[in-house]
C-alpha cells in the first residue's frame, strides 16, 4: 500500500511540475503576443 501511495505522490508531483512549466510557457507566449499587438497598433496610421 505504501508503494502505491508513494508512486501516486511522485506522479502527482511530476504532473504538477509539467503543469507549472506549461503555464509558464503560456504566460511567456501571452506576453509576446501582447507586445507584438502593441507594436502593430503603434505602427498603424491613425
N, C-alpha and C. Protein backbone atom coordinates (compact mmCIF):
# COMPACT_ATOMS: atom_id res chain seq x y z
N UNK A 1 0.82 -1.20 0.00
CA UNK A 1 0.00 0.00 0.00
C UNK A 1 0.87 1.27 0.00
N UNK A 2 1.93 1.26 0.80
CA UNK A 2 2.81 2.43 0.85
C UNK A 2 3.47 2.68 -0.50
N UNK A 3 3.80 1.60 -1.20
CA UNK A 3 4.41 1.74 -2.52
C UNK A 3 3.49 2.49 -3.46
N UNK A 4 2.21 2.12 -3.46
CA UNK A 4 1.25 2.76 -4.36
C UNK A 4 1.03 4.22 -4.00
N UNK A 5 1.00 4.51 -2.70
CA UNK A 5 0.84 5.90 -2.27
C UNK A 5 2.07 6.72 -2.65
N UNK A 6 3.24 6.15 -2.49
CA UNK A 6 4.48 6.85 -2.86
C UNK A 6 4.52 7.09 -4.36
N UNK A 7 4.11 6.08 -5.13
CA UNK A 7 4.11 6.22 -6.59
C UNK A 7 3.09 7.27 -7.02
N UNK A 8 1.91 7.26 -6.41
CA UNK A 8 0.87 8.25 -6.72
C UNK A 8 1.37 9.65 -6.40
N UNK A 9 2.02 9.79 -5.25
CA UNK A 9 2.55 11.09 -4.86
C UNK A 9 3.61 11.57 -5.85
N UNK A 10 4.48 10.67 -6.26
CA UNK A 10 5.52 11.03 -7.24
C UNK A 10 4.89 11.42 -8.57
N UNK A 11 3.85 10.69 -8.98
CA UNK A 11 3.16 11.02 -10.23
C UNK A 11 2.51 12.39 -10.14
N UNK A 12 1.89 12.69 -9.01
CA UNK A 12 1.26 14.00 -8.83
C UNK A 12 2.30 15.12 -8.86
N UNK A 13 3.43 14.89 -8.23
CA UNK A 13 4.49 15.89 -8.25
C UNK A 13 4.97 16.14 -9.67
N UNK A 14 5.13 15.07 -10.44
CA UNK A 14 5.59 15.22 -11.83
C UNK A 14 4.53 15.95 -12.66
N UNK A 15 3.27 15.59 -12.49
CA UNK A 15 2.20 16.26 -13.24
C UNK A 15 2.11 17.74 -12.86
N UNK A 16 2.25 18.05 -11.59
CA UNK A 16 2.23 19.45 -11.16
C UNK A 16 3.41 20.21 -11.74
N UNK A 17 4.55 19.56 -11.81
CA UNK A 17 5.74 20.19 -12.40
C UNK A 17 5.51 20.47 -13.88
N UNK A 18 4.94 19.50 -14.59
CA UNK A 18 4.65 19.69 -16.01
C UNK A 18 3.64 20.82 -16.21
N UNK A 19 2.62 20.85 -15.38
CA UNK A 19 1.60 21.89 -15.48
C UNK A 19 2.20 23.27 -15.23
N UNK A 20 3.08 23.37 -14.26
CA UNK A 20 3.75 24.64 -13.97
C UNK A 20 4.57 25.10 -15.17
N UNK A 21 5.32 24.18 -15.79
CA UNK A 21 6.11 24.53 -16.97
C UNK A 21 5.22 24.98 -18.12
N UNK A 22 4.11 24.29 -18.33
CA UNK A 22 3.19 24.66 -19.41
C UNK A 22 2.59 26.03 -19.14
N UNK A 23 2.17 26.28 -17.90
CA UNK A 23 1.61 27.59 -17.56
C UNK A 23 2.64 28.70 -17.74
N UNK A 24 3.87 28.44 -17.36
CA UNK A 24 4.92 29.44 -17.54
C UNK A 24 5.15 29.73 -19.02
N UNK A 25 5.15 28.69 -19.84
CA UNK A 25 5.31 28.87 -21.28
C UNK A 25 4.15 29.67 -21.85
N UNK A 26 2.94 29.36 -21.42
CA UNK A 26 1.77 30.10 -21.90
C UNK A 26 1.84 31.57 -21.50
N UNK A 27 2.30 31.84 -20.29
CA UNK A 27 2.45 33.23 -19.84
C UNK A 27 3.45 33.98 -20.72
N UNK A 28 4.56 33.33 -21.04
CA UNK A 28 5.57 33.96 -21.90
C UNK A 28 4.98 34.23 -23.28
N UNK A 29 4.28 33.25 -23.84
CA UNK A 29 3.67 33.42 -25.16
C UNK A 29 2.64 34.54 -25.14
N UNK A 30 1.88 34.65 -24.07
CA UNK A 30 0.88 35.72 -23.97
C UNK A 30 1.55 37.08 -23.93
N UNK A 31 2.64 37.20 -23.17
CA UNK A 31 3.36 38.48 -23.11
C UNK A 31 3.92 38.84 -24.48
N UNK A 32 4.47 37.86 -25.18
CA UNK A 32 4.99 38.12 -26.53
C UNK A 32 3.87 38.57 -27.46
N UNK A 33 2.74 37.91 -27.39
CA UNK A 33 1.60 38.27 -28.22
C UNK A 33 1.12 39.69 -27.90
N UNK A 34 1.04 40.00 -26.62
CA UNK A 34 0.62 41.35 -26.22
C UNK A 34 1.59 42.40 -26.74
N UNK A 35 2.87 42.12 -26.63
CA UNK A 35 3.87 43.07 -27.10
C UNK A 35 3.80 43.25 -28.61
N UNK A 36 3.64 42.15 -29.35
CA UNK A 36 3.51 42.26 -30.80
C UNK A 36 2.26 43.03 -31.19
N UNK A 37 1.17 42.79 -30.49
CA UNK A 37 -0.07 43.53 -30.77
C UNK A 37 0.12 45.02 -30.52
N UNK A 38 0.81 45.34 -29.45
CA UNK A 38 1.07 46.74 -29.14
C UNK A 38 1.94 47.38 -30.22
N UNK A 39 2.98 46.66 -30.64
CA UNK A 39 3.87 47.19 -31.68
C UNK A 39 3.10 47.39 -32.99
N UNK A 40 2.24 46.47 -33.33
CA UNK A 40 1.43 46.61 -34.54
C UNK A 40 0.51 47.82 -34.43
N UNK A 41 -0.11 47.97 -33.28
CA UNK A 41 -1.01 49.10 -33.07
C UNK A 41 -0.25 50.43 -33.21
N UNK A 42 0.98 50.48 -32.71
CA UNK A 42 1.75 51.72 -32.75
C UNK A 42 2.22 52.06 -34.16
N UNK A 43 2.28 51.07 -35.04
CA UNK A 43 2.73 51.34 -36.41
C UNK A 43 1.58 51.62 -37.37
N UNK A 44 0.35 51.45 -36.90
CA UNK A 44 -0.81 51.70 -37.76
C UNK A 44 -1.07 53.20 -37.86
N UNK A 45 -1.33 53.69 -39.06
CA UNK A 45 -1.68 55.11 -39.18
C UNK A 45 -3.04 55.37 -38.52
N UNK A 46 -3.15 56.55 -37.97
CA UNK A 46 -4.41 56.87 -37.27
C UNK A 46 -5.30 57.75 -38.08
